[in-house]
């Protein structure tokens, strides 16, 4: 069972929380966690899935391993990684759900504004002026060149 934190939070706990957020504050690490959800994978498999270099993926896995979020075991010449702390997904779901709601709200606003601009462009009057002779008026330079 998860322990409920007392408030105000002690400084030591605040530092641990901030450290956890720093570990999770990189898109590549979040992608790795998502790829490891419910399965084990080798560095090679993760490298191909992420589309990065093996060195970069290994570096990020090392950060996640040191934080205790992933686990590692050697299988021959390869290392297999898995999620060691499933609690990370609860945090991610809270954040992702909140951000998804915000993104949908922004999309609705943008769609409304975009629709407004499109309607305005379709119904905007076109201004042309005709000379008494029925020809379109030209700039003074164009008129002098026409003479």
Protein backbone atom coordinates (compact mmCIF):
# COMPACT_ATOMS: atom_id res chain seq x y z
CA UNK A 1 0.00 0.00 0.00
CA UNK A 2 1.27 3.48 -0.84
CA UNK A 3 2.04 5.71 2.09
CA UNK A 4 0.24 9.07 2.13
CA UNK A 5 2.64 12.00 2.49
CA UNK A 6 2.11 14.53 5.25
CA UNK A 7 2.06 18.19 4.36
CA UNK A 8 4.03 20.30 4.33
CA UNK A 9 6.47 17.89 2.75
CA UNK A 10 9.88 17.57 4.43
CA UNK A 11 12.83 18.98 2.48
CA UNK A 12 14.40 15.52 2.08
CA UNK A 13 11.25 14.19 0.45
CA UNK A 14 10.96 17.25 -1.79
CA UNK A 15 14.50 16.62 -3.03
CA UNK A 16 13.68 12.97 -3.82
CA UNK A 17 10.53 14.03 -5.67
CA UNK A 18 12.46 16.63 -7.66
CA UNK A 19 15.10 14.03 -8.52
CA UNK A 20 12.43 11.63 -9.80
CA UNK A 21 10.97 14.36 -12.00
CA UNK A 22 14.45 15.20 -13.34
CA UNK A 23 14.95 11.55 -14.28
CA UNK A 24 11.62 11.51 -16.12
CA UNK A 25 12.14 14.89 -17.74
CA UNK A 26 13.58 13.59 -21.01
CA UNK A 27 11.51 12.45 -24.01
CA UNK A 28 13.86 9.55 -24.80
CA UNK A 29 13.51 8.16 -21.27
CA UNK A 30 9.74 8.44 -21.45
CA UNK A 31 9.78 6.65 -24.79
CA UNK A 32 11.95 3.88 -23.32
CA UNK A 33 9.56 3.46 -20.40
CA UNK A 34 6.62 3.27 -22.77
CA UNK A 35 8.41 0.62 -24.85
CA UNK A 36 9.21 -1.42 -21.72
CA UNK A 37 5.63 -1.34 -20.48
CA UNK A 38 4.68 -4.95 -19.81
CA UNK A 39 7.77 -6.54 -21.38
CA UNK A 40 11.51 -6.96 -21.29
CA UNK A 41 13.72 -5.71 -24.10
CA UNK A 42 17.39 -5.65 -24.98
CA UNK A 43 19.36 -2.48 -25.65
CA UNK A 44 19.47 -3.46 -29.31
CA UNK A 45 15.67 -3.81 -29.53
CA UNK A 46 15.18 -0.51 -27.73
CA UNK A 47 17.77 1.23 -29.93
CA UNK A 48 15.92 0.15 -33.07
CA UNK A 49 12.54 1.14 -31.65
CA UNK A 50 13.71 4.56 -30.45
CA UNK A 51 15.68 5.31 -33.60
CA UNK A 52 18.75 6.49 -31.73
CA UNK A 53 22.27 5.24 -31.16
CA UNK A 54 23.08 2.36 -28.84
CA UNK A 55 25.30 4.69 -26.80
CA UNK A 56 22.46 7.19 -26.31
CA UNK A 57 19.92 4.52 -25.36
CA UNK A 58 22.39 2.90 -22.94
CA UNK A 59 23.04 6.26 -21.30
CA UNK A 60 19.32 6.88 -20.72
CA UNK A 61 18.75 3.33 -19.49
CA UNK A 62 21.61 3.87 -17.03
CA UNK A 63 19.88 6.95 -15.61
CA UNK A 64 16.62 5.01 -15.26
CA UNK A 65 18.48 2.05 -13.69
CA UNK A 66 20.28 4.25 -11.16
CA UNK A 67 16.92 5.78 -10.16
CA UNK A 68 15.48 2.29 -9.61
CA UNK A 69 12.82 2.73 -12.29
CA UNK A 70 14.12 -0.08 -14.53
CA UNK A 71 15.91 -3.32 -13.76
CA UNK A 72 18.63 -5.07 -15.75
CA UNK A 73 19.86 -8.61 -16.10
CA UNK A 74 22.60 -10.05 -18.28
CA UNK A 75 21.70 -12.71 -20.81
CA UNK A 76 24.91 -13.83 -22.48
CA UNK A 77 26.42 -10.74 -24.11
CA UNK A 78 23.18 -8.79 -23.90
CA UNK A 79 21.39 -6.85 -21.18
CA UNK A 80 17.65 -7.16 -20.79
CA UNK A 81 15.73 -4.27 -19.21
CA UNK A 82 12.29 -4.19 -17.61
CA UNK A 83 10.22 -1.85 -15.47
CA UNK A 84 11.22 -2.29 -11.82
CA UNK A 85 8.93 0.41 -10.40
CA UNK A 86 5.42 0.16 -11.88
CA UNK A 87 4.48 3.25 -9.86
CA UNK A 88 6.10 5.33 -12.58
CA UNK A 89 3.15 4.51 -14.85
CA UNK A 90 0.62 5.88 -12.37
CA UNK A 91 2.52 9.18 -12.40
CA UNK A 92 2.77 9.12 -16.19
CA UNK A 93 -0.94 8.37 -16.56
CA UNK A 94 -1.85 11.31 -14.31
CA UNK A 95 0.41 13.67 -16.24
CA UNK A 96 -0.50 12.27 -19.67
CA UNK A 97 -4.22 12.38 -18.94
CA UNK A 98 -4.02 15.97 -17.78
CA UNK A 99 -1.92 17.02 -20.76
CA UNK A 100 -4.17 15.17 -23.20
CA UNK A 101 -7.15 17.13 -21.85
CA UNK A 102 -5.23 20.40 -22.25
CA UNK A 103 -4.13 19.45 -25.78
CA UNK A 104 -7.70 18.63 -26.80
CA UNK A 105 -8.90 21.97 -25.41
CA UNK A 106 -6.18 23.83 -27.34
CA UNK A 107 -7.06 21.92 -30.52
CA UNK A 108 -10.72 22.92 -30.13
CA UNK A 109 -9.76 26.57 -29.72
CA UNK A 110 -7.42 26.45 -32.73
CA UNK A 111 -10.06 24.71 -34.84
CA UNK A 112 -12.59 27.38 -33.87
CA UNK A 113 -10.22 30.22 -34.71
CA UNK A 114 -9.14 28.52 -37.93
CA UNK A 115 -12.79 28.08 -38.93
CA UNK A 116 -13.47 31.72 -38.13
CA UNK A 117 -10.61 32.86 -40.36
CA UNK A 118 -11.70 30.57 -43.17
CA UNK A 119 -15.28 31.86 -43.01
CA UNK A 120 -14.01 35.45 -42.94
CA UNK A 121 -11.81 34.86 -45.97
CA UNK A 122 -14.68 33.33 -47.97
CA UNK A 123 -17.12 36.12 -47.17
CA UNK A 124 -14.69 39.04 -47.23
CA UNK A 125 -15.66 41.69 -49.77
CA UNK A 126 -13.29 42.21 -52.67
CA UNK A 127 -12.53 45.88 -53.22
CA UNK A 128 -12.07 46.99 -56.77
CA UNK A 129 -12.73 50.40 -58.10
CA UNK A 130 -13.70 51.19 -61.63
CA UNK A 131 -12.89 54.35 -63.51
CA UNK A 132 -15.82 56.25 -65.01
CA UNK A 133 -14.92 54.56 -68.32
CA UNK A 134 -15.55 51.15 -66.75
CA UNK A 135 -11.87 50.17 -66.59
CA UNK A 136 -10.18 49.16 -63.37
CA UNK A 137 -8.28 51.98 -61.77
CA UNK A 138 -4.54 51.75 -61.96
CA UNK A 139 -1.83 53.29 -59.89
CA UNK A 140 -0.63 56.72 -61.08
CA UNK A 141 2.51 55.07 -62.46
CA UNK A 142 0.53 52.50 -64.43
CA UNK A 143 -1.75 55.27 -65.76
CA UNK A 144 1.15 57.38 -66.92
CA UNK A 145 2.72 54.38 -68.66
CA UNK A 146 -0.55 53.62 -70.42
CA UNK A 147 -0.74 57.15 -71.89
